[in-house]
C-alpha atoms as a PDB file:
ATOM      1  CA  MET A   1     -17.781 -35.761 -24.535  1.00  0.00           C
ATOM      2  CA  TYR A   2     -21.164 -34.465 -23.530  1.00  0.00           C
ATOM      3  CA  PHE A   3     -21.841 -32.136 -21.513  1.00  0.00           C
ATOM      4  CA  ASP A   4     -25.649 -30.645 -21.533  1.00  0.00           C
ATOM      5  CA  ASN A   5     -26.932 -27.328 -20.763  1.00  0.00           C
ATOM      6  CA  LEU A   6     -26.379 -27.277 -16.805  1.00  0.00           C
ATOM      7  CA  THR A   7     -23.572 -28.981 -16.676  1.00  0.00           C
ATOM      8  CA  GLY A   8     -21.982 -26.074 -18.528  1.00  0.00           C
ATOM      9  CA  VAL A   9     -23.780 -23.704 -16.299  1.00  0.00           C
ATOM     10  CA  SER A  10     -22.129 -24.923 -13.786  1.00  0.00           C
ATOM     11  CA  ILE A  11     -18.657 -25.676 -14.769  1.00  0.00           C
ATOM     12  CA  VAL A  12     -18.825 -21.952 -16.248  1.00  0.00           C
ATOM     13  CA  ILE A  13     -20.439 -21.077 -12.505  1.00  0.00           C
ATOM     14  CA  ALA A  14     -17.405 -22.624 -10.807  1.00  0.00           C
ATOM     15  CA  ILE A  15     -15.085 -21.477 -12.060  1.00  0.00           C
ATOM     16  CA  THR A  16     -16.189 -17.804 -12.009  1.00  0.00           C
ATOM     17  CA  LEU A  17     -16.792 -18.006  -8.531  1.00  0.00           C
ATOM     18  CA  PHE A  18     -13.253 -19.440  -7.268  1.00  0.00           C
ATOM     19  CA  ILE A  19     -11.760 -17.125  -9.112  1.00  0.00           C
ATOM     20  CA  VAL A  20     -13.583 -14.443  -8.242  1.00  0.00           C
ATOM     21  CA  LEU A  21     -12.844 -15.448  -4.046  1.00  0.00           C
ATOM     22  CA  VAL A  22      -8.562 -16.030  -5.479  1.00  0.00           C
ATOM     23  CA  LEU A  23      -9.121 -11.915  -6.877  1.00  0.00           C
ATOM     24  CA  MET A  24     -10.325 -10.917  -3.094  1.00  0.00           C
ATOM     25  CA  TYR A  25      -7.704 -13.221  -1.625  1.00  0.00           C
ATOM     26  CA  LEU A  26      -5.403 -11.076  -2.815  1.00  0.00           C
ATOM     27  CA  HIS A  27      -6.829  -7.873  -2.714  1.00  0.00           C
ATOM     28  CA  LYS A  28      -7.428  -8.252   1.312  1.00  0.00           C
ATOM     29  CA  THR A  29      -3.365  -9.133   0.687  1.00  0.00           C
ATOM     30  CA  ASN A  30      -2.257  -5.936  -1.243  1.00  0.00           C
ATOM     31  CA  THR A  31      -4.261  -4.666   2.026  1.00  0.00           C
ATOM     32  CA  ASP A  32      -3.147  -6.176   4.958  1.00  0.00           C
ATOM     33  CA  LYS A  33       0.083  -4.839   3.382  1.00  0.00           C
ATOM     34  CA  LYS A  34      -0.760  -1.691   3.114  1.00  0.00           C
ATOM     35  CA  ILE A  35      -2.129  -1.451   6.730  1.00  0.00           C
ATOM     36  CA  HIS A  36       0.880  -2.779   7.993  1.00  0.00           C
ATOM     37  CA  ARG A  37       2.860  -0.260   5.846  1.00  0.00           C
ATOM     38  CA  LEU A  38       1.263   2.860   7.283  1.00  0.00           C
ATOM     39  CA  ALA A  39       1.190   1.760  11.096  1.00  0.00           C
ATOM     40  CA  LYS A  40       5.215   1.306  10.572  1.00  0.00           C
ATOM     41  CA  GLN A  41       5.237   4.854   9.603  1.00  0.00           C
ATOM     42  CA  PHE A  42       2.841   6.181  12.096  1.00  0.00           C
ATOM     43  CA  HIS A  43       5.384   4.052  14.854  1.00  0.00           C
ATOM     44  CA  LEU A  44       8.202   5.762  13.237  1.00  0.00           C
ATOM     45  CA  ILE A  45       7.351   9.554  13.327  1.00  0.00           C
ATOM     46  CA  HIS A  46       5.242   9.228  16.726  1.00  0.00           C
ATOM     47  CA  HIS A  47       8.952   8.070  17.432  1.00  0.00           C
ATOM     48  CA  ASN A  48      11.466   9.705  15.630  1.00  0.00           C
ATOM     49  CA  GLU A  49      11.729  13.822  16.212  1.00  0.00           C
ATOM     50  CA  LYS A  50      13.525  13.886  13.119  1.00  0.00           C
ATOM     51  CA  ALA A  51      10.907  11.525  11.790  1.00  0.00           C
ATOM     52  CA  LYS A  52       8.060  13.831  12.603  1.00  0.00           C
ATOM     53  CA  GLU A  53       9.905  16.737  11.398  1.00  0.00           C
ATOM     54  CA  LEU A  54      10.487  15.525   8.349  1.00  0.00           C
ATOM     55  CA  CYS A  55       7.042  14.912   7.493  1.00  0.00           C
ATOM     56  CA  ARG A  56       6.447  17.777   9.023  1.00  0.00           C
ATOM     57  CA  LEU A  57       8.340  19.850   5.885  1.00  0.00           C
ATOM     58  CA  LEU A  58       7.394  17.629   3.360  1.00  0.00           C
ATOM     59  CA  HIS A  59       4.414  18.463   4.292  1.00  0.00           C
ATOM     60  CA  GLU A  60       4.914  22.134   3.874  1.00  0.00           C
ATOM     61  CA  LYS A  61       6.174  21.450   0.827  1.00  0.00           C
ATOM     62  CA  TYR A  62       2.946  19.088  -0.686  1.00  0.00           C
ATOM     63  CA  PRO A  63      -0.314  19.422   1.999  1.00  0.00           C
ATOM     64  CA  GLU A  64      -1.729  16.591  -0.098  1.00  0.00           C
ATOM     65  CA  LEU A  65       0.567  13.836   0.680  1.00  0.00           C
ATOM     66  CA  CYS A  66       1.092  11.226   3.071  1.00  0.00           C
ATOM     67  CA  ALA A  67       3.066   8.993   4.657  1.00  0.00           C
ATOM     68  CA  GLY A  68       3.381   5.909   3.357  1.00  0.00           C
ATOM     69  CA  ILE A  69       1.009   5.545   0.858  1.00  0.00           C
ATOM     70  CA  ASP A  70       2.633   8.292  -2.007  1.00  0.00           C
ATOM     71  CA  TYR A  71       5.316   8.638   1.138  1.00  0.00           C
ATOM     72  CA  THR A  72       8.007   6.419   2.851  1.00  0.00           C
ATOM     73  CA  LEU A  73      10.195   6.815   5.852  1.00  0.00           C
ATOM     74  CA  LYS A  74      13.394   5.052   6.798  1.00  0.00           C
ATOM     75  CA  GLU A  75      15.181   4.946   9.642  1.00  0.00           C
ATOM     76  CA  ASN A  76      18.517   4.480  10.337  1.00  0.00           C
ATOM     77  CA  GLY A  77      20.147   5.374  14.106  1.00  0.00           C
ATOM     78  CA  ASP A  78      20.496   9.396  14.193  1.00  0.00           C
ATOM     79  CA  VAL A  79      19.356   9.462   9.953  1.00  0.00           C
ATOM     80  CA  VAL A  80      16.156   9.695   8.898  1.00  0.00           C
ATOM     81  CA  SER A  81      15.367  10.018   4.623  1.00  0.00           C
ATOM     82  CA  VAL A  82      12.820   9.366   2.188  1.00  0.00           C
ATOM     83  CA  ASP A  83      12.868   5.319   2.135  1.00  0.00           C
ATOM     84  CA  GLU A  84      10.238   5.207  -1.469  1.00  0.00           C
ATOM     85  CA  TRP A  85       8.622   8.720  -3.772  1.00  0.00           C
ATOM     86  CA  LYS A  86       5.541   7.163  -5.271  1.00  0.00           C
ATOM     87  CA  SER A  87       4.120  10.414  -5.580  1.00  0.00           C
ATOM     88  CA  HIS A  88       3.929  12.357  -9.038  1.00  0.00           C
ATOM     89  CA  HIS A  89       5.138  15.401  -7.305  1.00  0.00           C
ATOM     90  CA  PRO A  90       8.773  15.695  -7.485  1.00  0.00           C
ATOM     91  CA  HIS A  91      11.046  14.420  -5.234  1.00  0.00           C
ATOM     92  CA  PRO A  92      12.265  16.484  -2.616  1.00  0.00           C
ATOM     93  CA  GLY A  93      15.765  15.710  -3.367  1.00  0.00           C
ATOM     94  CA  SER A  94      15.917  16.254  -6.128  1.00  0.00           C
END
């Protein structure tokens, strides 16, 4: 099958645009998940005194860390604990 130069270039441009659109969609989805996780953490810290205290203690030890980004908190009844630790710093429970 024979394609002229314009057809070949058009196919390459169409494929490139498709890949860029898929990557933009994936980035937006990932960003939406991060914003949702931050909102949940903010709500937990804002409405739970134990979560607020744990967050304050973590901030005193590691002032550069941010709840919802570097670590997440979870509430299990009256107990609040660190759920995920994503920081390169040692886990405070270790």
